[in-house]
Amino acid sequence: MRDLHTGKLVPRARELRRGMTPAERKLWYDVLRAHPVKFRRQVPLLGYVLDFYSAPACLCVELDGASHDSPEAQAYDTERTRVLEAAGIRVLRFTNAQVMENPEGVGVQISAALG
């Protein structure tokens, strides 16, 4: 999958890793970091920076805050999901509020998606 890696986005991915949102931080430290299936944070792939990605499972977990509420952002997210799914990557989306209010429930949904 190395050819799908988008090198020009590496500096942006590093920046995003250093400046995780509170919801990203909570999901990473409370759920994904110790998950039996390996996840990586802020992965540049197919021209996008994925919030969390498990290469072995071909699963992307995206967190959506208020900036994803506009019609333009929703259209962008729909296209992004289409591109990722066309490459065989499943996409799970959660709101920041879901993660902050119920991280365990989000973890259960991620585990269920992993089989």
N, C-alpha and C. Protein backbone atom coordinates (compact mmCIF):
# COMPACT_ATOMS: atom_id res chain seq x y z
N MET A 1 0.83 -1.19 0.00
CA MET A 1 0.00 0.00 0.00
C MET A 1 0.87 1.25 0.00
N ARG A 2 2.16 1.08 -0.08
CA ARG A 2 3.09 2.21 -0.04
C ARG A 2 2.80 3.21 -1.16
N ASP A 3 2.37 2.73 -2.34
CA ASP A 3 2.11 3.64 -3.45
C ASP A 3 0.90 4.53 -3.21
N LEU A 4 0.05 4.15 -2.27
CA LEU A 4 -1.10 4.97 -1.95
C LEU A 4 -0.75 6.08 -0.96
N HIS A 5 0.43 5.98 -0.36
CA HIS A 5 0.90 6.98 0.60
C HIS A 5 1.14 8.30 -0.12
N THR A 6 0.73 9.38 0.47
CA THR A 6 0.85 10.68 -0.15
C THR A 6 1.94 11.48 0.56
N GLY A 7 3.16 11.44 0.00
CA GLY A 7 4.32 12.05 0.63
C GLY A 7 4.23 13.53 0.87
N LYS A 8 3.58 14.25 -0.03
CA LYS A 8 3.54 15.70 0.14
C LYS A 8 2.69 16.13 1.34
N LEU A 9 1.87 15.22 1.87
CA LEU A 9 1.06 15.54 3.03
C LEU A 9 1.71 15.17 4.36
N VAL A 10 2.91 14.59 4.31
CA VAL A 10 3.59 14.16 5.54
C VAL A 10 3.80 15.32 6.52
N PRO A 11 4.29 16.50 6.09
CA PRO A 11 4.44 17.60 7.05
C PRO A 11 3.11 18.00 7.70
N ARG A 12 2.04 18.01 6.93
CA ARG A 12 0.73 18.36 7.50
C ARG A 12 0.28 17.29 8.49
N ALA A 13 0.52 16.03 8.18
CA ALA A 13 0.15 14.94 9.08
C ALA A 13 0.91 15.06 10.40
N ARG A 14 2.19 15.39 10.33
CA ARG A 14 2.99 15.57 11.55
C ARG A 14 2.43 16.71 12.40
N GLU A 15 2.07 17.79 11.72
CA GLU A 15 1.49 18.94 12.41
C GLU A 15 0.18 18.55 13.12
N LEU A 16 -0.65 17.78 12.42
CA LEU A 16 -1.92 17.35 13.01
C LEU A 16 -1.71 16.39 14.17
N ARG A 17 -0.69 15.55 14.10
CA ARG A 17 -0.38 14.63 15.21
C ARG A 17 0.01 15.41 16.46
N ARG A 18 0.77 16.48 16.26
CA ARG A 18 1.20 17.30 17.41
C ARG A 18 0.04 18.11 17.99
N GLY A 19 -0.94 18.44 17.17
CA GLY A 19 -2.04 19.29 17.61
C GLY A 19 -3.39 18.60 17.58
N MET A 20 -3.47 17.40 18.13
CA MET A 20 -4.73 16.66 18.11
C MET A 20 -5.83 17.44 18.84
N THR A 21 -7.04 17.30 18.36
CA THR A 21 -8.20 17.89 19.04
C THR A 21 -8.45 17.10 20.32
N PRO A 22 -9.22 17.66 21.26
CA PRO A 22 -9.54 16.91 22.48
C PRO A 22 -10.22 15.56 22.17
N ALA A 23 -11.10 15.53 21.18
CA ALA A 23 -11.79 14.27 20.84
C ALA A 23 -10.80 13.26 20.25
N GLU A 24 -9.90 13.72 19.38
CA GLU A 24 -8.89 12.82 18.82
C GLU A 24 -7.99 12.27 19.93
N ARG A 25 -7.60 13.14 20.85
CA ARG A 25 -6.75 12.73 21.96
C ARG A 25 -7.45 11.67 22.80
N LYS A 26 -8.72 11.91 23.09
CA LYS A 26 -9.49 10.97 23.92
C LYS A 26 -9.62 9.62 23.22
N LEU A 27 -9.98 9.62 21.94
CA LEU A 27 -10.13 8.36 21.21
C LEU A 27 -8.80 7.62 21.15
N TRP A 28 -7.72 8.34 20.89
CA TRP A 28 -6.40 7.70 20.78
C TRP A 28 -5.97 7.10 22.12
N TYR A 29 -5.98 7.89 23.17
CA TYR A 29 -5.45 7.42 24.45
C TYR A 29 -6.40 6.48 25.20
N ASP A 30 -7.71 6.65 25.03
CA ASP A 30 -8.65 5.81 25.76
C ASP A 30 -9.07 4.56 25.02
N VAL A 31 -8.92 4.55 23.68
CA VAL A 31 -9.46 3.43 22.91
C VAL A 31 -8.43 2.81 21.95
N LEU A 32 -7.89 3.59 21.05
CA LEU A 32 -7.14 3.02 19.92
C LEU A 32 -5.68 2.69 20.20
N ARG A 33 -5.02 3.43 21.03
CA ARG A 33 -3.59 3.21 21.23
C ARG A 33 -3.29 1.80 21.73
N ALA A 34 -4.13 1.27 22.60
CA ALA A 34 -3.91 -0.07 23.16
C ALA A 34 -4.79 -1.13 22.50
N HIS A 35 -5.47 -0.77 21.43
CA HIS A 35 -6.36 -1.72 20.75
C HIS A 35 -5.54 -2.87 20.18
N PRO A 36 -6.09 -4.10 20.22
CA PRO A 36 -5.35 -5.24 19.67
C PRO A 36 -5.04 -5.10 18.18
N VAL A 37 -5.88 -4.39 17.45
CA VAL A 37 -5.60 -4.12 16.04
C VAL A 37 -4.85 -2.79 15.98
N LYS A 38 -3.71 -2.79 15.30
CA LYS A 38 -2.85 -1.60 15.26
C LYS A 38 -3.48 -0.46 14.45
N PHE A 39 -3.55 0.70 15.07
CA PHE A 39 -4.00 1.93 14.41
C PHE A 39 -2.85 2.93 14.41
N ARG A 40 -2.84 3.78 13.40
CA ARG A 40 -1.91 4.91 13.33
C ARG A 40 -2.72 6.19 13.28
N ARG A 41 -2.11 7.29 13.73
CA ARG A 41 -2.78 8.60 13.75
C ARG A 41 -2.35 9.42 12.56
N GLN A 42 -3.28 10.20 12.03
CA GLN A 42 -3.00 11.20 11.00
C GLN A 42 -2.13 10.62 9.89
N VAL A 43 -2.72 9.72 9.13
CA VAL A 43 -2.00 9.00 8.08
C VAL A 43 -2.30 9.62 6.72
N PRO A 44 -1.26 10.09 6.00
CA PRO A 44 -1.49 10.61 4.65
C PRO A 44 -1.69 9.45 3.67
N LEU A 45 -2.85 9.45 3.01
CA LEU A 45 -3.18 8.35 2.11
C LEU A 45 -4.16 8.84 1.05
N LEU A 46 -3.89 8.54 -0.19
CA LEU A 46 -4.78 8.87 -1.31
C LEU A 46 -5.11 10.36 -1.40
N GLY A 47 -4.19 11.20 -1.01
CA GLY A 47 -4.42 12.63 -1.10
C GLY A 47 -5.15 13.23 0.09
N TYR A 48 -5.38 12.43 1.13
CA TYR A 48 -6.07 12.89 2.34
C TYR A 48 -5.21 12.55 3.54
N VAL A 49 -5.47 13.22 4.67
CA VAL A 49 -4.86 12.82 5.93
C VAL A 49 -5.98 12.20 6.75
N LEU A 50 -5.87 10.89 6.98
CA LEU A 50 -6.89 10.15 7.72
C LEU A 50 -6.66 10.32 9.21
N ASP A 51 -7.72 10.54 9.97
CA ASP A 51 -7.57 10.73 11.42
C ASP A 51 -6.92 9.52 12.06
N PHE A 52 -7.49 8.34 11.85
CA PHE A 52 -6.94 7.10 12.39
C PHE A 52 -7.09 6.03 11.32
N TYR A 53 -6.06 5.21 11.16
CA TYR A 53 -6.08 4.22 10.10
C TYR A 53 -5.43 2.93 10.56
N SER A 54 -6.10 1.82 10.29
CA SER A 54 -5.54 0.49 10.53
C SER A 54 -5.31 -0.15 9.18
N ALA A 55 -4.04 -0.24 8.78
CA ALA A 55 -3.71 -0.86 7.49
C ALA A 55 -4.07 -2.34 7.46
N PRO A 56 -3.80 -3.11 8.55
CA PRO A 56 -4.14 -4.53 8.50
C PRO A 56 -5.64 -4.77 8.29
N ALA A 57 -6.46 -3.88 8.85
CA ALA A 57 -7.92 -4.04 8.74
C ALA A 57 -8.52 -3.23 7.60
N CYS A 58 -7.71 -2.40 6.94
CA CYS A 58 -8.21 -1.47 5.91
C CYS A 58 -9.41 -0.69 6.44
N LEU A 59 -9.22 -0.11 7.63
CA LEU A 59 -10.29 0.63 8.29
C LEU A 59 -9.80 2.01 8.68
N CYS A 60 -10.58 3.02 8.32
CA CYS A 60 -10.31 4.41 8.64
C CYS A 60 -11.37 4.89 9.63
N VAL A 61 -10.95 5.55 10.69
CA VAL A 61 -11.87 6.14 11.67
C VAL A 61 -11.71 7.65 11.58
N GLU A 62 -12.79 8.32 11.25
CA GLU A 62 -12.78 9.78 11.11
C GLU A 62 -13.64 10.42 12.19
N LEU A 63 -13.16 11.51 12.76
CA LEU A 63 -13.92 12.27 13.74
C LEU A 63 -14.34 13.59 13.11
N ASP A 64 -15.60 13.91 13.28
CA ASP A 64 -16.16 15.11 12.67
C ASP A 64 -16.61 16.10 13.74
N GLY A 65 -16.03 17.29 13.68
CA GLY A 65 -16.43 18.38 14.57
C GLY A 65 -17.38 19.31 13.84
N ALA A 66 -17.58 20.48 14.39
CA ALA A 66 -18.52 21.46 13.84
C ALA A 66 -18.13 21.89 12.43
N SER A 67 -16.84 21.84 12.10
CA SER A 67 -16.40 22.27 10.77
C SER A 67 -16.92 21.35 9.66
N HIS A 68 -17.47 20.21 10.03
CA HIS A 68 -17.99 19.26 9.04
C HIS A 68 -19.50 19.43 8.80
N ASP A 69 -20.11 20.46 9.41
CA ASP A 69 -21.56 20.64 9.33
C ASP A 69 -22.03 21.36 8.07
N SER A 70 -21.17 22.12 7.43
CA SER A 70 -21.61 22.89 6.26
C SER A 70 -21.86 21.96 5.07
N PRO A 71 -22.71 22.38 4.14
CA PRO A 71 -22.96 21.56 2.96
C PRO A 71 -21.69 21.28 2.15
N GLU A 72 -20.78 22.25 2.08
CA GLU A 72 -19.53 22.06 1.35
C GLU A 72 -18.67 20.99 2.02
N ALA A 73 -18.58 21.06 3.35
CA ALA A 73 -17.78 20.08 4.09
C ALA A 73 -18.39 18.69 3.98
N GLN A 74 -19.71 18.62 4.00
CA GLN A 74 -20.37 17.31 3.87
C GLN A 74 -20.14 16.73 2.47
N ALA A 75 -20.15 17.57 1.45
CA ALA A 75 -19.87 17.09 0.09
C ALA A 75 -18.42 16.61 0.00
N TYR A 76 -17.50 17.34 0.62
CA TYR A 76 -16.09 16.93 0.63
C TYR A 76 -15.94 15.59 1.34
N ASP A 77 -16.59 15.44 2.49
CA ASP A 77 -16.51 14.18 3.24
C ASP A 77 -17.10 13.02 2.45
N THR A 78 -18.18 13.27 1.74
CA THR A 78 -18.80 12.22 0.92
C THR A 78 -17.85 11.78 -0.18
N GLU A 79 -17.21 12.73 -0.84
CA GLU A 79 -16.25 12.39 -1.90
C GLU A 79 -15.05 11.66 -1.32
N ARG A 80 -14.57 12.11 -0.20
CA ARG A 80 -13.43 11.47 0.47
C ARG A 80 -13.77 10.02 0.81
N THR A 81 -14.95 9.79 1.36
CA THR A 81 -15.39 8.43 1.69
C THR A 81 -15.49 7.59 0.43
N ARG A 82 -16.01 8.16 -0.64
CA ARG A 82 -16.12 7.43 -1.90
C ARG A 82 -14.75 6.99 -2.41
N VAL A 83 -13.78 7.89 -2.38
CA VAL A 83 -12.43 7.58 -2.85
C VAL A 83 -11.81 6.47 -1.99
N LEU A 84 -11.94 6.61 -0.68
CA LEU A 84 -11.35 5.61 0.21
C LEU A 84 -12.02 4.24 0.04
N GLU A 85 -13.33 4.23 -0.06
CA GLU A 85 -14.04 2.96 -0.23
C GLU A 85 -13.73 2.32 -1.58
N ALA A 86 -13.52 3.13 -2.60
CA ALA A 86 -13.14 2.59 -3.91
C ALA A 86 -11.77 1.91 -3.85
N ALA A 87 -10.94 2.33 -2.89
CA ALA A 87 -9.62 1.71 -2.70
C ALA A 87 -9.68 0.54 -1.73
N GLY A 88 -10.88 0.19 -1.29
CA GLY A 88 -11.05 -0.95 -0.39
C GLY A 88 -10.90 -0.63 1.08
N ILE A 89 -10.98 0.66 1.43
CA ILE A 89 -10.85 1.09 2.83
C ILE A 89 -12.23 1.42 3.38
N ARG A 90 -12.61 0.74 4.46
CA ARG A 90 -13.88 1.05 5.13
C ARG A 90 -13.71 2.32 5.96
N VAL A 91 -14.75 3.12 6.00
CA VAL A 91 -14.69 4.39 6.74
C VAL A 91 -15.77 4.41 7.80
N LEU A 92 -15.36 4.64 9.04
CA LEU A 92 -16.30 4.86 10.14
C LEU A 92 -16.21 6.32 10.55
N ARG A 93 -17.35 6.95 10.73
CA ARG A 93 -17.37 8.36 11.13
C ARG A 93 -18.09 8.50 12.46
N PHE A 94 -17.51 9.30 13.31
CA PHE A 94 -18.10 9.63 14.60
C PHE A 94 -18.00 11.13 14.80
N THR A 95 -18.93 11.68 15.54
CA THR A 95 -18.83 13.10 15.88
C THR A 95 -17.91 13.24 17.09
N ASN A 96 -17.36 14.42 17.25
CA ASN A 96 -16.54 14.69 18.43
C ASN A 96 -17.36 14.47 19.70
N ALA A 97 -18.62 14.87 19.65
CA ALA A 97 -19.49 14.71 20.83
C ALA A 97 -19.66 13.24 21.20
N GLN A 98 -19.81 12.36 20.22
CA GLN A 98 -19.93 10.93 20.51
C GLN A 98 -18.70 10.43 21.25
N VAL A 99 -17.54 10.84 20.80
CA VAL A 99 -16.29 10.39 21.43
C VAL A 99 -16.17 10.95 22.84
N MET A 100 -16.48 12.21 23.02
CA MET A 100 -16.32 12.84 24.32
C MET A 100 -17.33 12.31 25.34
N GLU A 101 -18.55 12.03 24.88
CA GLU A 101 -19.61 11.58 25.79
C GLU A 101 -19.60 10.07 26.03
N ASN A 102 -19.14 9.29 25.05
CA ASN A 102 -19.23 7.84 25.16
C ASN A 102 -18.06 7.15 24.44
N PRO A 103 -16.84 7.34 24.91
CA PRO A 103 -15.70 6.72 24.23
C PRO A 103 -15.77 5.19 24.22
N GLU A 104 -16.33 4.61 25.28
CA GLU A 104 -16.45 3.15 25.33
C GLU A 104 -17.39 2.65 24.25
N GLY A 105 -18.49 3.34 24.04
CA GLY A 105 -19.45 2.96 23.01
C GLY A 105 -18.84 3.07 21.62
N VAL A 106 -18.05 4.11 21.39
CA VAL A 106 -17.35 4.28 20.11
C VAL A 106 -16.37 3.12 19.93
N GLY A 107 -15.66 2.77 21.00
CA GLY A 107 -14.73 1.65 20.95
C GLY A 107 -15.42 0.34 20.60
N VAL A 108 -16.61 0.13 21.17
CA VAL A 108 -17.39 -1.08 20.86
C VAL A 108 -17.77 -1.11 19.39
N GLN A 109 -18.19 0.04 18.84
CA GLN A 109 -18.55 0.10 17.42
C GLN A 109 -17.34 -0.16 16.52
N ILE A 110 -16.18 0.35 16.90
CA ILE A 110 -14.97 0.11 16.12
C ILE A 110 -14.61 -1.37 16.16
N SER A 111 -14.66 -1.96 17.36
CA SER A 111 -14.36 -3.39 17.49
C SER A 111 -15.34 -4.23 16.67
N ALA A 112 -16.62 -3.85 16.67
CA ALA A 112 -17.62 -4.59 15.89
C ALA A 112 -17.32 -4.50 14.41
N ALA A 113 -16.87 -3.33 13.95
CA ALA A 113 -16.54 -3.17 12.53
C ALA A 113 -15.32 -4.01 12.15
N LEU A 114 -14.47 -4.28 13.12
CA LEU A 114 -13.28 -5.09 12.86
C LEU A 114 -13.59 -6.58 12.85
N GLY A 115 -14.81 -6.92 13.29
CA GLY A 115 -15.21 -8.34 13.25
C GLY A 115 -14.92 -8.99 14.55
